[in-house]
Amino acid sequence: MNSDILSENKQNQAIHHYCLMSKNYRYDVTIVYSAQFFSKAMVTSMQSGRMLLMCADDIPLD
């Protein structure tokens, strides 16, 4: 398969790994902050592999 690179950007990203505990569950997530996502953060669940984009307006806490 031949492919062409349409875009490539390099930046130093802030990557944070969190282990969150609730009464019944444990959540392991990775949060990647990037200007490439219009100042949003990419959140990845380590358990399910699901990803989503969040901005500061989506999170009620600072």
PDB file of N, CA and C in Angstrom:
ATOM      1  N   MET A   1       0.849  -1.178   0.000  1.00  0.00           N
ATOM      2  CA  MET A   1       0.000   0.000   0.000  1.00  0.00           C
ATOM      3  C   MET A   1       0.890   1.235   0.000  1.00  0.00           C
ATOM      4  N   ASN A   2       0.655   2.139  -0.908  1.00  0.00           N
ATOM      5  CA  ASN A   2       1.372   3.402  -0.963  1.00  0.00           C
ATOM      6  C   ASN A   2       0.535   4.471  -0.283  1.00  0.00           C
ATOM      7  N   SER A   3       1.198   5.322   0.448  1.00  0.00           N
ATOM      8  CA  SER A   3       0.485   6.417   1.108  1.00  0.00           C
ATOM      9  C   SER A   3       1.363   7.661   1.112  1.00  0.00           C
ATOM     10  N   ASP A   4       0.723   8.789   1.202  1.00  0.00           N
ATOM     11  CA  ASP A   4       1.416  10.068   1.256  1.00  0.00           C
ATOM     12  C   ASP A   4       1.126  10.743   2.581  1.00  0.00           C
ATOM     13  N   ILE A   5       2.110  11.409   3.149  1.00  0.00           N
ATOM     14  CA  ILE A   5       1.911  12.180   4.375  1.00  0.00           C
ATOM     15  C   ILE A   5       1.301  13.519   3.983  1.00  0.00           C
ATOM     16  N   LEU A   6       0.101  13.787   4.468  1.00  0.00           N
ATOM     17  CA  LEU A   6      -0.576  15.039   4.161  1.00  0.00           C
ATOM     18  C   LEU A   6      -0.159  16.158   5.096  1.00  0.00           C
ATOM     19  N   SER A   7       0.144  15.812   6.332  1.00  0.00           N
ATOM     20  CA  SER A   7       0.503  16.819   7.321  1.00  0.00           C
ATOM     21  C   SER A   7       1.325  16.162   8.416  1.00  0.00           C
ATOM     22  N   GLU A   8       2.298  16.890   8.916  1.00  0.00           N
ATOM     23  CA  GLU A   8       3.085  16.412  10.047  1.00  0.00           C
ATOM     24  C   GLU A   8       3.465  17.620  10.892  1.00  0.00           C
ATOM     25  N   ASN A   9       3.136  17.560  12.164  1.00  0.00           N
ATOM     26  CA  ASN A   9       3.472  18.627  13.104  1.00  0.00           C
ATOM     27  C   ASN A   9       4.117  18.007  14.328  1.00  0.00           C
ATOM     28  N   LYS A  10       5.176  18.632  14.795  1.00  0.00           N
ATOM     29  CA  LYS A  10       5.844  18.146  15.998  1.00  0.00           C
ATOM     30  C   LYS A  10       5.710  19.198  17.079  1.00  0.00           C
ATOM     31  N   GLN A  11       5.417  18.745  18.282  1.00  0.00           N
ATOM     32  CA  GLN A  11       5.349  19.652  19.420  1.00  0.00           C
ATOM     33  C   GLN A  11       5.686  18.865  20.681  1.00  0.00           C
ATOM     34  N   ASN A  12       6.082  19.570  21.710  1.00  0.00           N
ATOM     35  CA  ASN A  12       6.296  18.949  23.010  1.00  0.00           C
ATOM     36  C   ASN A  12       4.963  18.948  23.741  1.00  0.00           C
ATOM     37  N   GLN A  13       4.423  17.768  23.961  1.00  0.00           N
ATOM     38  CA  GLN A  13       3.104  17.646  24.556  1.00  0.00           C
ATOM     39  C   GLN A  13       3.209  17.339  26.044  1.00  0.00           C
ATOM     40  N   ALA A  14       2.269  17.897  26.784  1.00  0.00           N
ATOM     41  CA  ALA A  14       2.146  17.567  28.203  1.00  0.00           C
ATOM     42  C   ALA A  14       1.291  16.313  28.306  1.00  0.00           C
ATOM     43  N   ILE A  15       1.860  15.239  28.824  1.00  0.00           N
ATOM     44  CA  ILE A  15       1.146  13.968  28.965  1.00  0.00           C
ATOM     45  C   ILE A  15       1.081  13.623  30.444  1.00  0.00           C
ATOM     46  N   HIS A  16      -0.126  13.336  30.919  1.00  0.00           N
ATOM     47  CA  HIS A  16      -0.330  12.994  32.322  1.00  0.00           C
ATOM     48  C   HIS A  16      -1.035  11.649  32.413  1.00  0.00           C
ATOM     49  N   HIS A  17      -0.604  10.820  33.358  1.00  0.00           N
ATOM     50  CA  HIS A  17      -1.231   9.527  33.603  1.00  0.00           C
ATOM     51  C   HIS A  17      -1.876   9.581  34.988  1.00  0.00           C
ATOM     52  N   TYR A  18      -3.135   9.181  35.069  1.00  0.00           N
ATOM     53  CA  TYR A  18      -3.873   9.234  36.324  1.00  0.00           C
ATOM     54  C   TYR A  18      -4.466   7.874  36.646  1.00  0.00           C
ATOM     55  N   CYS A  19      -4.483   7.538  37.910  1.00  0.00           N
ATOM     56  CA  CYS A  19      -5.210   6.384  38.418  1.00  0.00           C
ATOM     57  C   CYS A  19      -6.255   6.948  39.384  1.00  0.00           C
ATOM     58  N   LEU A  20      -7.525   6.827  39.027  1.00  0.00           N
ATOM     59  CA  LEU A  20      -8.618   7.362  39.842  1.00  0.00           C
ATOM     60  C   LEU A  20      -9.382   6.221  40.488  1.00  0.00           C
ATOM     61  N   MET A  21      -9.732   6.396  41.737  1.00  0.00           N
ATOM     62  CA  MET A  21     -10.476   5.363  42.462  1.00  0.00           C
ATOM     63  C   MET A  21     -11.814   5.923  42.919  1.00  0.00           C
ATOM     64  N   SER A  22     -12.854   5.146  42.711  1.00  0.00           N
ATOM     65  CA  SER A  22     -14.152   5.462  43.301  1.00  0.00           C
ATOM     66  C   SER A  22     -14.457   4.341  44.289  1.00  0.00           C
ATOM     67  N   LYS A  23     -15.643   4.334  44.829  1.00  0.00           N
ATOM     68  CA  LYS A  23     -15.985   3.304  45.814  1.00  0.00           C
ATOM     69  C   LYS A  23     -15.918   1.905  45.204  1.00  0.00           C
ATOM     70  N   ASN A  24     -16.319   1.782  43.944  1.00  0.00           N
ATOM     71  CA  ASN A  24     -16.404   0.459  43.325  1.00  0.00           C
ATOM     72  C   ASN A  24     -15.487   0.240  42.133  1.00  0.00           C
ATOM     73  N   TYR A  25     -14.877   1.291  41.607  1.00  0.00           N
ATOM     74  CA  TYR A  25     -14.131   1.150  40.358  1.00  0.00           C
ATOM     75  C   TYR A  25     -12.784   1.855  40.413  1.00  0.00           C
ATOM     76  N   ARG A  26     -11.890   1.403  39.519  1.00  0.00           N
ATOM     77  CA  ARG A  26     -10.598   2.045  39.306  1.00  0.00           C
ATOM     78  C   ARG A  26     -10.543   2.470  37.841  1.00  0.00           C
ATOM     79  N   TYR A  27     -10.068   3.691  37.603  1.00  0.00           N
ATOM     80  CA  TYR A  27      -9.951   4.219  36.252  1.00  0.00           C
ATOM     81  C   TYR A  27      -8.505   4.633  36.009  1.00  0.00           C
ATOM     82  N   ASP A  28      -7.899   4.082  34.981  1.00  0.00           N
ATOM     83  CA  ASP A  28      -6.558   4.475  34.567  1.00  0.00           C
ATOM     84  C   ASP A  28      -6.709   5.247  33.261  1.00  0.00           C
ATOM     85  N   VAL A  29      -6.335   6.509  33.270  1.00  0.00           N
ATOM     86  CA  VAL A  29      -6.493   7.342  32.078  1.00  0.00           C
ATOM     87  C   VAL A  29      -5.195   8.071  31.764  1.00  0.00           C
ATOM     88  N   THR A  30      -5.027   8.373  30.499  1.00  0.00           N
ATOM     89  CA  THR A  30      -3.924   9.196  30.026  1.00  0.00           C
ATOM     90  C   THR A  30      -4.525  10.438  29.398  1.00  0.00           C
ATOM     91  N   ILE A  31      -4.008  11.603  29.768  1.00  0.00           N
ATOM     92  CA  ILE A  31      -4.497  12.864  29.237  1.00  0.00           C
ATOM     93  C   ILE A  31      -3.354  13.541  28.497  1.00  0.00           C
ATOM     94  N   VAL A  32      -3.587  13.857  27.228  1.00  0.00           N
ATOM     95  CA  VAL A  32      -2.587  14.508  26.376  1.00  0.00           C
ATOM     96  C   VAL A  32      -3.117  15.886  26.013  1.00  0.00           C
ATOM     97  N   TYR A  33      -2.421  16.928  26.442  1.00  0.00           N
ATOM     98  CA  TYR A  33      -2.783  18.299  26.108  1.00  0.00           C
ATOM     99  C   TYR A  33      -2.065  18.705  24.833  1.00  0.00           C
ATOM    100  N   SER A  34      -2.791  19.253  23.872  1.00  0.00           N
ATOM    101  CA  SER A  34      -2.178  19.589  22.596  1.00  0.00           C
ATOM    102  C   SER A  34      -2.864  20.778  21.957  1.00  0.00           C
ATOM    103  N   ALA A  35      -2.084  21.666  21.379  1.00  0.00           N
ATOM    104  CA  ALA A  35      -2.637  22.781  20.611  1.00  0.00           C
ATOM    105  C   ALA A  35      -3.208  22.288  19.292  1.00  0.00           C
ATOM    106  N   GLN A  36      -2.811  21.098  18.852  1.00  0.00           N
ATOM    107  CA  GLN A  36      -3.313  20.535  17.611  1.00  0.00           C
ATOM    108  C   GLN A  36      -4.806  20.225  17.661  1.00  0.00           C
ATOM    109  N   PHE A  37      -5.345  20.048  18.850  1.00  0.00           N
ATOM    110  CA  PHE A  37      -6.760  19.724  19.025  1.00  0.00           C
ATOM    111  C   PHE A  37      -7.551  20.959  19.427  1.00  0.00           C
ATOM    112  N   PHE A  38      -7.156  22.127  18.943  1.00  0.00           N
ATOM    113  CA  PHE A  38      -7.852  23.382  19.249  1.00  0.00           C
ATOM    114  C   PHE A  38      -7.911  23.623  20.759  1.00  0.00           C
ATOM    115  N   SER A  39      -6.791  23.417  21.445  1.00  0.00           N
ATOM    116  CA  SER A  39      -6.631  23.596  22.892  1.00  0.00           C
ATOM    117  C   SER A  39      -7.483  22.631  23.709  1.00  0.00           C
ATOM    118  N   LYS A  40      -7.793  21.497  23.141  1.00  0.00           N
ATOM    119  CA  LYS A  40      -8.512  20.462  23.876  1.00  0.00           C
ATOM    120  C   LYS A  40      -7.526  19.394  24.313  1.00  0.00           C
ATOM    121  N   ALA A  41      -7.971  18.528  25.198  1.00  0.00           N
ATOM    122  CA  ALA A  41      -7.139  17.434  25.675  1.00  0.00           C
ATOM    123  C   ALA A  41      -7.714  16.118  25.175  1.00  0.00           C
ATOM    124  N   MET A  42      -6.836  15.211  24.769  1.00  0.00           N
ATOM    125  CA  MET A  42      -7.261  13.888  24.365  1.00  0.00           C
ATOM    126  C   MET A  42      -7.159  12.981  25.593  1.00  0.00           C
ATOM    127  N   VAL A  43      -8.279  12.390  25.994  1.00  0.00           N
ATOM    128  CA  VAL A  43      -8.324  11.522  27.163  1.00  0.00           C
ATOM    129  C   VAL A  43      -8.496  10.092  26.683  1.00  0.00           C
ATOM    130  N   THR A  44      -7.614   9.198  27.136  1.00  0.00           N
ATOM    131  CA  THR A  44      -7.663   7.799  26.736  1.00  0.00           C
ATOM    132  C   THR A  44      -7.830   6.925  27.965  1.00  0.00           C
ATOM    133  N   SER A  45      -8.813   6.039  27.941  1.00  0.00           N
ATOM    134  CA  SER A  45      -8.998   5.065  29.008  1.00  0.00           C
ATOM    135  C   SER A  45      -8.066   3.893  28.758  1.00  0.00           C
ATOM    136  N   MET A  46      -7.230   3.546  29.729  1.00  0.00           N
ATOM    137  CA  MET A  46      -6.304   2.440  29.574  1.00  0.00           C
ATOM    138  C   MET A  46      -7.033   1.102  29.620  1.00  0.00           C
ATOM    139  N   GLN A  47      -8.203   1.023  30.296  1.00  0.00           N
ATOM    140  CA  GLN A  47      -8.946  -0.221  30.373  1.00  0.00           C
ATOM    141  C   GLN A  47      -9.647  -0.553  29.054  1.00  0.00           C
ATOM    142  N   SER A  48     -10.322   0.425  28.471  1.00  0.00           N
ATOM    143  CA  SER A  48     -11.133   0.150  27.281  1.00  0.00           C
ATOM    144  C   SER A  48     -10.469   0.585  25.983  1.00  0.00           C
ATOM    145  N   GLY A  49      -9.472   1.475  26.063  1.00  0.00           N
ATOM    146  CA  GLY A  49      -8.848   1.997  24.864  1.00  0.00           C
ATOM    147  C   GLY A  49      -9.652   3.101  24.196  1.00  0.00           C
ATOM    148  N   ARG A  50     -10.770   3.482  24.786  1.00  0.00           N
ATOM    149  CA  ARG A  50     -11.595   4.546  24.216  1.00  0.00           C
ATOM    150  C   ARG A  50     -10.933   5.899  24.408  1.00  0.00           C
ATOM    151  N   MET A  51     -11.136   6.776  23.416  1.00  0.00           N
ATOM    152  CA  MET A  51     -10.567   8.112  23.473  1.00  0.00           C
ATOM    153  C   MET A  51     -11.673   9.136  23.262  1.00  0.00           C
ATOM    154  N   LEU A  52     -11.487  10.327  23.843  1.00  0.00           N
ATOM    155  CA  LEU A  52     -12.408  11.426  23.616  1.00  0.00           C
ATOM    156  C   LEU A  52     -11.642  12.724  23.760  1.00  0.00           C
ATOM    157  N   LEU A  53     -12.201  13.789  23.193  1.00  0.00           N
ATOM    158  CA  LEU A  53     -11.602  15.115  23.313  1.00  0.00           C
ATOM    159  C   LEU A  53     -12.410  15.927  24.296  1.00  0.00           C
ATOM    160  N   MET A  54     -11.739  16.623  25.194  1.00  0.00           N
ATOM    161  CA  MET A  54     -12.411  17.465  26.179  1.00  0.00           C
ATOM    162  C   MET A  54     -11.755  18.834  26.190  1.00  0.00           C
ATOM    163  N   CYS A  55     -12.551  19.858  26.441  1.00  0.00           N
ATOM    164  CA  CYS A  55     -11.997  21.194  26.622  1.00  0.00           C
ATOM    165  C   CYS A  55     -12.284  21.633  28.060  1.00  0.00           C
ATOM    166  N   ALA A  56     -11.688  22.713  28.488  1.00  0.00           N
ATOM    167  CA  ALA A  56     -11.860  23.180  29.866  1.00  0.00           C
ATOM    168  C   ALA A  56     -13.319  23.465  30.185  1.00  0.00           C
ATOM    169  N   ASP A  57     -14.100  23.872  29.180  1.00  0.00           N
ATOM    170  CA  ASP A  57     -15.523  24.154  29.420  1.00  0.00           C
ATOM    171  C   ASP A  57     -16.316  22.889  29.733  1.00  0.00           C
ATOM    172  N   ASP A  58     -15.791  21.710  29.333  1.00  0.00           N
ATOM    173  CA  ASP A  58     -16.465  20.438  29.597  1.00  0.00           C
ATOM    174  C   ASP A  58     -16.256  19.946  31.028  1.00  0.00           C
ATOM    175  N   ILE A  59     -15.273  20.517  31.716  1.00  0.00           N
ATOM    176  CA  ILE A  59     -14.903  20.036  33.051  1.00  0.00           C
ATOM    177  C   ILE A  59     -15.284  21.086  34.078  1.00  0.00           C
ATOM    178  N   PRO A  60     -16.155  20.758  35.048  1.00  0.00           N
ATOM    179  CA  PRO A  60     -16.615  21.764  35.996  1.00  0.00           C
ATOM    180  C   PRO A  60     -15.559  22.194  37.021  1.00  0.00           C
ATOM    181  N   LEU A  61     -14.525  21.394  37.222  1.00  0.00           N
ATOM    182  CA  LEU A  61     -13.483  21.708  38.209  1.00  0.00           C
ATOM    183  C   LEU A  61     -12.257  22.267  37.512  1.00  0.00           C
ATOM    184  N   ASP A  62     -11.490  23.096  38.210  1.00  0.00           N
ATOM    185  CA  ASP A  62     -10.255  23.652  37.623  1.00  0.00           C
ATOM    186  C   ASP A  62      -9.170  22.610  37.536  1.00  0.00           C
TER     187      ASP A  62
END
